[in-house]
């Protein structure tokens, strides 16, 4: 299982952002903060969709900021599964590997292994239109895992699911994230607490605080962090995002 510590440093003056953060190897870190604080921009910089001058994205000894997105070994899991409707589940799961030049047989073998890991091998021949929302997101998890990424970025991965599917996918993510290096954006305190062991708090385009849940709770460095730490995760976070 691949993984590596992540260091991110970048400036986007036009967005008022000056961000520097660290994600330890094998940990899941929740990235929280009000709207406009830099959460989505950070994901774009790490994945390579946004490449500001002077940015540094380091994963162990790999300088990701010097690499194109398809060579960064970063897996993405978004709100919507975004499966290709003309491909079956196996082909969708193997897509990232095929796009990276992996031969069809090897890509399909890795895709089948990923589908097994998420408990969905029976979906391999199905088309996306025949899947429920929870099944489609399960396939999206398999697609993110199939290339054996060094880092996973999860952007509201359960926001579009119904309550039953959220519970199912949440249980799945809690299992597959063990010992993986991952960064999670979520508006749900409950999801953040269940899936992450560390927190990075953003505010006014800067990192306000980063550390374990207990450290943030004991000495929150901003009003947002204080409200987040006090929320017990029984429902959606009731603060402005």
Protein backbone atom coordinates (compact mmCIF):
# COMPACT_ATOMS: atom_id res chain seq x y z
CA UNK A 1 0.00 0.00 0.00
CA UNK A 2 1.64 3.19 -1.20
CA UNK A 3 1.90 6.30 0.90
CA UNK A 4 4.16 9.23 1.73
CA UNK A 5 4.20 12.39 3.79
CA UNK A 6 2.85 15.40 1.93
CA UNK A 7 4.19 18.95 2.14
CA UNK A 8 2.35 21.75 0.33
CA UNK A 9 3.38 25.39 -0.01
CA UNK A 10 1.92 27.91 -2.47
CA UNK A 11 0.80 31.50 -2.87
CA UNK A 12 -2.11 32.81 -4.96
CA UNK A 13 -2.22 36.57 -4.29
CA UNK A 14 -5.17 37.02 -6.64
CA UNK A 15 -7.19 34.72 -4.37
CA UNK A 16 -5.64 36.02 -1.16
CA UNK A 17 -4.03 32.64 -0.40
CA UNK A 18 -0.67 31.88 1.23
CA UNK A 19 -0.85 28.23 2.29
CA UNK A 20 1.72 25.89 3.85
CA UNK A 21 0.71 22.57 5.39
CA UNK A 22 1.92 19.05 6.11
CA UNK A 23 0.12 15.70 6.04
CA UNK A 24 2.02 12.87 7.80
CA UNK A 25 2.57 9.56 6.05
CA UNK A 26 -0.31 7.13 6.56
CA UNK A 27 -2.68 9.68 8.10
CA UNK A 28 -5.99 11.13 6.95
CA UNK A 29 -6.15 14.88 7.50
CA UNK A 30 -9.37 16.90 7.41
CA UNK A 31 -9.00 20.28 5.67
CA UNK A 32 -11.58 22.63 7.16
CA UNK A 33 -12.37 26.32 6.96
CA UNK A 34 -14.95 28.87 5.76
CA UNK A 35 -15.78 29.34 2.09
CA UNK A 36 -12.92 30.99 0.22
CA UNK A 37 -10.28 29.96 2.76
CA UNK A 38 -8.36 27.83 0.24
CA UNK A 39 -9.64 24.25 0.57
CA UNK A 40 -10.50 23.66 -3.09
CA UNK A 41 -7.49 25.63 -4.31
CA UNK A 42 -5.22 23.41 -2.22
CA UNK A 43 -6.70 20.31 -3.85
CA UNK A 44 -6.19 21.86 -7.29
CA UNK A 45 -2.54 22.63 -6.51
CA UNK A 46 -1.82 19.15 -5.13
CA UNK A 47 -3.53 17.36 -8.03
CA UNK A 48 -1.82 19.56 -10.62
CA UNK A 49 -4.97 21.18 -11.97
CA UNK A 50 -3.58 24.50 -10.74
CA UNK A 51 0.15 25.24 -10.97
CA UNK A 52 1.00 28.63 -9.43
CA UNK A 53 4.52 29.97 -9.83
CA UNK A 54 6.76 29.00 -6.93
CA UNK A 55 4.44 26.31 -5.56
CA UNK A 56 6.00 23.28 -3.88
CA UNK A 57 4.20 19.95 -3.53
CA UNK A 58 6.44 17.26 -2.05
CA UNK A 59 5.56 13.62 -1.40
CA UNK A 60 8.56 12.07 0.35
CA UNK A 61 11.36 12.54 -2.20
CA UNK A 62 9.07 13.25 -5.17
CA UNK A 63 8.65 16.85 -6.33
CA UNK A 64 5.06 16.61 -7.51
CA UNK A 65 4.92 20.26 -8.56
CA UNK A 66 7.36 19.43 -11.35
CA UNK A 67 5.15 16.62 -12.70
CA UNK A 68 2.01 16.66 -14.87
CA UNK A 69 -1.20 15.51 -13.14
CA UNK A 70 -1.18 11.98 -14.60
CA UNK A 71 2.29 11.28 -13.15
CA UNK A 72 1.65 12.54 -9.61
CA UNK A 73 0.05 9.33 -8.29
CA UNK A 74 -2.75 11.31 -6.68
CA UNK A 75 -6.19 9.70 -6.49
CA UNK A 76 -9.30 11.90 -6.55
CA UNK A 77 -12.72 11.11 -5.07
CA UNK A 78 -15.35 13.81 -5.61
CA UNK A 79 -19.00 14.41 -4.68
CA UNK A 80 -20.20 12.92 -7.96
CA UNK A 81 -18.81 9.60 -9.25
CA UNK A 82 -18.45 10.98 -12.81
CA UNK A 83 -18.40 7.50 -14.36
CA UNK A 84 -18.28 7.25 -18.14
CA UNK A 85 -21.74 6.11 -19.28
CA UNK A 86 -20.47 4.20 -22.34
CA UNK A 87 -18.04 2.06 -20.30
CA UNK A 88 -18.88 -0.79 -17.97
CA UNK A 89 -17.75 -0.70 -14.34
CA UNK A 90 -14.54 -2.65 -14.99
CA UNK A 91 -13.51 -0.27 -17.78
CA UNK A 92 -14.38 2.75 -15.65
CA UNK A 93 -12.28 1.39 -12.78
CA UNK A 94 -9.34 0.72 -15.10
CA UNK A 95 -9.57 4.09 -16.85
CA UNK A 96 -6.80 5.87 -14.94
CA UNK A 97 -4.38 3.04 -15.52
CA UNK A 98 -5.23 2.82 -19.23
CA UNK A 99 -4.81 6.60 -19.58
CA UNK A 100 -1.35 6.24 -18.01
CA UNK A 101 -0.37 3.68 -20.65
CA UNK A 102 -0.85 0.46 -18.69
CA UNK A 103 -1.72 -2.48 -20.95
CA UNK A 104 -5.33 -3.62 -20.97
CA UNK A 105 -4.83 -6.98 -19.24
CA UNK A 106 -2.77 -5.48 -16.40
CA UNK A 107 -5.16 -2.54 -15.99
CA UNK A 108 -8.18 -4.86 -15.82
CA UNK A 109 -6.43 -7.08 -13.28
CA UNK A 110 -5.74 -4.06 -11.05
CA UNK A 111 -9.33 -2.86 -11.55
CA UNK A 112 -10.73 -6.24 -10.50
CA UNK A 113 -8.52 -6.18 -7.40
CA UNK A 114 -9.78 -2.67 -6.52
CA UNK A 115 -13.41 -3.75 -7.01
CA UNK A 116 -12.76 -6.67 -4.68
CA UNK A 117 -11.27 -4.27 -2.12
CA UNK A 118 -14.44 -2.15 -2.08
CA UNK A 119 -16.75 -5.17 -2.10
CA UNK A 120 -18.10 -4.67 -5.62
CA UNK A 121 -16.70 -7.41 -7.88
CA UNK A 122 -20.23 -8.34 -8.96
CA UNK A 123 -20.68 -4.90 -10.55
CA UNK A 124 -17.85 -5.33 -13.07
CA UNK A 125 -20.05 -5.87 -16.15
CA UNK A 126 -22.74 -3.32 -15.23
CA UNK A 127 -23.13 0.09 -16.87
CA UNK A 128 -23.28 3.24 -14.69
CA UNK A 129 -26.95 3.89 -15.60
CA UNK A 130 -27.93 0.67 -13.80
CA UNK A 131 -26.17 1.57 -10.53
CA UNK A 132 -27.60 3.19 -7.44
CA UNK A 133 -25.90 6.30 -6.07
CA UNK A 134 -24.12 4.27 -3.40
CA UNK A 135 -22.98 1.65 -5.91
CA UNK A 136 -21.67 4.32 -8.28
CA UNK A 137 -19.68 5.98 -5.50
CA UNK A 138 -18.32 2.59 -4.45
CA UNK A 139 -17.04 2.16 -8.03
CA UNK A 140 -15.54 5.67 -7.87
CA UNK A 141 -13.63 4.62 -4.74
CA UNK A 142 -12.32 1.56 -6.62
CA UNK A 143 -11.28 3.74 -9.57
CA UNK A 144 -9.33 6.03 -7.23
CA UNK A 145 -7.57 3.06 -5.61
CA UNK A 146 -6.80 1.03 -8.74
CA UNK A 147 -3.60 2.93 -9.72
CA UNK A 148 -2.23 2.47 -6.15
CA UNK A 149 -1.92 6.22 -5.50
CA UNK A 150 0.55 7.67 -3.02
CA UNK A 151 -2.07 10.19 -1.94
CA UNK A 152 -5.87 10.34 -1.93
CA UNK A 153 -7.83 13.61 -2.12
CA UNK A 154 -11.47 13.31 -1.03
CA UNK A 155 -13.72 16.29 -1.72
CA UNK A 156 -17.13 15.86 -0.04
CA UNK A 157 -17.22 12.17 -1.06
CA UNK A 158 -20.59 11.51 0.63
CA UNK A 159 -22.37 14.82 0.14
CA UNK A 160 -24.55 13.63 -2.76
CA UNK A 161 -25.62 10.33 -1.13
CA UNK A 162 -28.75 9.45 0.80
CA UNK A 163 -28.49 8.59 4.49
CA UNK A 164 -28.19 4.82 4.04
CA UNK A 165 -25.57 5.15 1.30
CA UNK A 166 -23.59 7.68 3.37
CA UNK A 167 -23.33 5.16 6.17
CA UNK A 168 -22.25 2.39 3.78
CA UNK A 169 -19.67 4.49 1.95
CA UNK A 170 -18.45 6.00 5.21
CA UNK A 171 -17.77 2.52 6.59
CA UNK A 172 -15.98 1.60 3.36
CA UNK A 173 -13.80 4.73 3.44
CA UNK A 174 -12.92 4.23 7.10
CA UNK A 175 -11.59 0.81 6.13
CA UNK A 176 -9.69 1.66 2.93
CA UNK A 177 -8.11 4.80 4.39
CA UNK A 178 -6.28 2.92 7.13
CA UNK A 179 -2.52 3.51 6.69
CA UNK A 180 -3.10 5.56 3.52
CA UNK A 181 -2.09 9.20 3.19
CA UNK A 182 -5.23 11.22 2.46
CA UNK A 183 -6.73 14.70 2.68
CA UNK A 184 -10.47 15.14 3.23
CA UNK A 185 -12.75 18.11 2.65
CA UNK A 186 -16.17 17.71 4.28
CA UNK A 187 -18.90 19.94 5.71
CA UNK A 188 -19.86 17.23 8.20
CA UNK A 189 -18.19 17.20 11.60
CA UNK A 190 -19.28 13.60 12.06
CA UNK A 191 -17.63 12.50 8.81
CA UNK A 192 -14.48 14.46 9.61
CA UNK A 193 -14.17 12.90 13.05
CA UNK A 194 -14.92 9.39 11.76
CA UNK A 195 -12.46 9.45 8.86
CA UNK A 196 -9.57 11.69 9.91
CA UNK A 197 -7.01 11.69 12.71
CA UNK A 198 -5.63 15.17 12.06
CA UNK A 199 -7.03 18.59 11.17
CA UNK A 200 -5.75 21.56 9.20
CA UNK A 201 -7.80 24.71 9.89
CA UNK A 202 -7.77 27.41 7.20
CA UNK A 203 -8.86 31.01 7.64
CA UNK A 204 -8.32 34.21 5.66
CA UNK A 205 -6.24 32.29 3.12
CA UNK A 206 -3.77 30.97 5.69
CA UNK A 207 -3.27 27.88 7.84
CA UNK A 208 -4.59 28.95 11.22
CA UNK A 209 -3.85 25.69 13.02
CA UNK A 210 -2.91 22.08 12.32
CA UNK A 211 -2.69 19.08 14.59
CA UNK A 212 -4.66 16.23 16.12
CA UNK A 213 -8.34 16.48 16.95
CA UNK A 214 -7.54 16.58 20.66
CA UNK A 215 -5.00 19.38 20.23
CA UNK A 216 -7.46 21.48 18.21
CA UNK A 217 -10.22 20.86 20.76
CA UNK A 218 -8.00 21.79 23.71
CA UNK A 219 -6.73 25.07 22.22
CA UNK A 220 -8.67 26.16 19.11
CA UNK A 221 -6.90 29.04 17.38
CA UNK A 222 -9.94 30.60 15.69
CA UNK A 223 -13.67 31.00 16.19
CA UNK A 224 -14.29 28.60 13.33
CA UNK A 225 -12.03 25.95 14.88
CA UNK A 226 -13.77 26.45 18.22
CA UNK A 227 -17.24 25.92 16.71
CA UNK A 228 -16.03 22.91 14.74
CA UNK A 229 -14.36 21.33 17.78
CA UNK A 230 -17.47 21.80 19.92
CA UNK A 231 -19.81 20.26 17.34
CA UNK A 232 -20.37 16.63 18.31
CA UNK A 233 -21.00 15.42 14.77
CA UNK A 234 -24.64 14.44 15.25
CA UNK A 235 -25.63 16.23 12.04
CA UNK A 236 -24.30 18.67 9.42
CA UNK A 237 -22.02 21.34 10.78
CA UNK A 238 -24.18 24.34 11.62
CA UNK A 239 -21.73 27.11 10.78
CA UNK A 240 -21.28 29.12 7.58
CA UNK A 241 -18.92 27.50 5.05
